Amino acid sequence: MADRPTKPPGMSDEKYARLMAEVKAPYRGLRKFVYGAVGASGAIGAVIFLTQILAGREVYAALPNFLLQLGIVALMVFLFRLESRQS
């Protein structure tokens, strides 16, 4: 049976709580940043392909790319929300 770790003497409660949260979910902040950055990139790509579709230029080539960008944005939103729920 594993013993629950105790707070080292001289460490503040706030710092100990942050360290324990990092142990339970390592790199959570980094993952959320990556989800946000990839989602923003997908949104920019979707806007570009949408304008190309609305202009009527190469619609058959732009439509699958537009849908792919929307899928990427949806996936990143899902992963970000999933990560935020696991607190």
Protein backbone atom coordinates (compact mmCIF):
# COMPACT_ATOMS: atom_id res chain seq x y z
CA MET A 1 0.00 0.00 0.00
CA ALA A 2 1.48 3.33 -1.06
CA ASP A 3 1.69 6.06 1.53
CA ARG A 4 0.34 9.46 0.66
CA PRO A 5 3.21 11.95 0.33
CA THR A 6 3.46 14.60 2.99
CA LYS A 7 4.31 18.21 2.48
CA PRO A 8 7.98 18.96 3.09
CA PRO A 9 8.66 21.38 5.92
CA GLY A 10 9.12 24.97 4.83
CA MET A 11 7.06 24.61 1.63
CA SER A 12 3.93 26.73 1.27
CA ASP A 13 0.56 25.04 0.88
CA GLU A 14 0.02 26.79 -2.46
CA LYS A 15 3.28 25.56 -3.95
CA TYR A 16 2.66 22.04 -2.68
CA ALA A 17 -0.82 22.01 -4.24
CA ARG A 18 0.60 23.18 -7.61
CA LEU A 19 3.28 20.49 -7.54
CA MET A 20 0.76 17.78 -6.69
CA ALA A 21 -1.52 18.94 -9.53
CA GLU A 22 1.45 18.74 -11.92
CA VAL A 23 2.23 15.22 -10.72
CA LYS A 24 -1.36 14.12 -11.36
CA ALA A 25 -1.51 15.71 -14.85
CA PRO A 26 1.95 16.44 -16.24
CA TYR A 27 2.24 19.06 -18.99
CA ARG A 28 -1.46 20.01 -18.84
CA GLY A 29 -0.70 23.66 -19.49
CA LEU A 30 1.50 22.80 -22.46
CA ARG A 31 -1.16 20.50 -23.95
CA LYS A 32 -3.84 23.18 -23.59
CA PHE A 33 -1.54 25.70 -25.29
CA VAL A 34 -0.91 23.30 -28.18
CA TYR A 35 -4.65 22.64 -28.56
CA GLY A 36 -5.29 26.38 -28.69
CA ALA A 37 -2.50 27.04 -31.18
CA VAL A 38 -3.52 24.21 -33.52
CA GLY A 39 -7.18 25.25 -33.23
CA ALA A 40 -6.32 28.85 -34.12
CA SER A 41 -4.27 27.65 -37.08
CA GLY A 42 -7.21 25.53 -38.25
CA ALA A 43 -9.56 28.48 -37.89
CA ILE A 44 -7.29 30.68 -39.99
CA GLY A 45 -7.07 27.96 -42.63
CA ALA A 46 -10.84 27.54 -42.62
CA VAL A 47 -11.34 31.27 -43.20
CA ILE A 48 -8.89 31.22 -46.10
CA PHE A 49 -10.56 28.23 -47.76
CA LEU A 50 -14.02 29.71 -47.11
CA THR A 51 -13.08 32.91 -48.90
CA GLN A 52 -11.70 30.85 -51.76
CA ILE A 53 -14.99 28.93 -51.97
CA LEU A 54 -17.07 32.11 -51.82
CA ALA A 55 -14.94 33.61 -54.60
CA GLY A 56 -15.67 30.55 -56.73
CA ARG A 57 -12.02 29.69 -57.30
CA GLU A 58 -11.18 25.98 -57.41
CA VAL A 59 -14.23 25.08 -55.34
CA TYR A 60 -13.78 21.32 -55.77
CA ALA A 61 -10.23 21.52 -54.45
CA ALA A 62 -10.97 24.00 -51.66
CA LEU A 63 -14.09 22.31 -50.25
CA PRO A 64 -12.36 19.17 -48.86
CA ASN A 65 -9.60 21.34 -47.39
CA PHE A 66 -12.19 23.61 -45.77
CA LEU A 67 -13.96 20.62 -44.23
CA LEU A 68 -10.64 19.25 -42.99
CA GLN A 69 -9.86 22.58 -41.29
CA LEU A 70 -13.30 22.59 -39.64
CA GLY A 71 -12.67 19.05 -38.41
CA ILE A 72 -9.34 20.08 -36.92
CA VAL A 73 -10.95 23.02 -35.12
CA ALA A 74 -13.72 20.77 -33.77
CA LEU A 75 -11.19 18.18 -32.57
CA MET A 76 -9.09 20.81 -30.80
CA VAL A 77 -12.16 22.28 -29.08
CA PHE A 78 -13.15 18.77 -27.95
CA LEU A 79 -9.66 17.98 -26.63
CA PHE A 80 -9.37 21.36 -24.88
CA ARG A 81 -12.72 20.85 -23.13
CA LEU A 82 -11.81 17.29 -22.20
CA GLU A 83 -8.54 18.51 -20.72
CA SER A 84 -10.32 21.26 -18.76
CA ARG A 85 -12.85 18.84 -17.26
CA GLN A 86 -10.19 16.54 -15.82
CA SER A 87 -9.28 18.89 -13.00
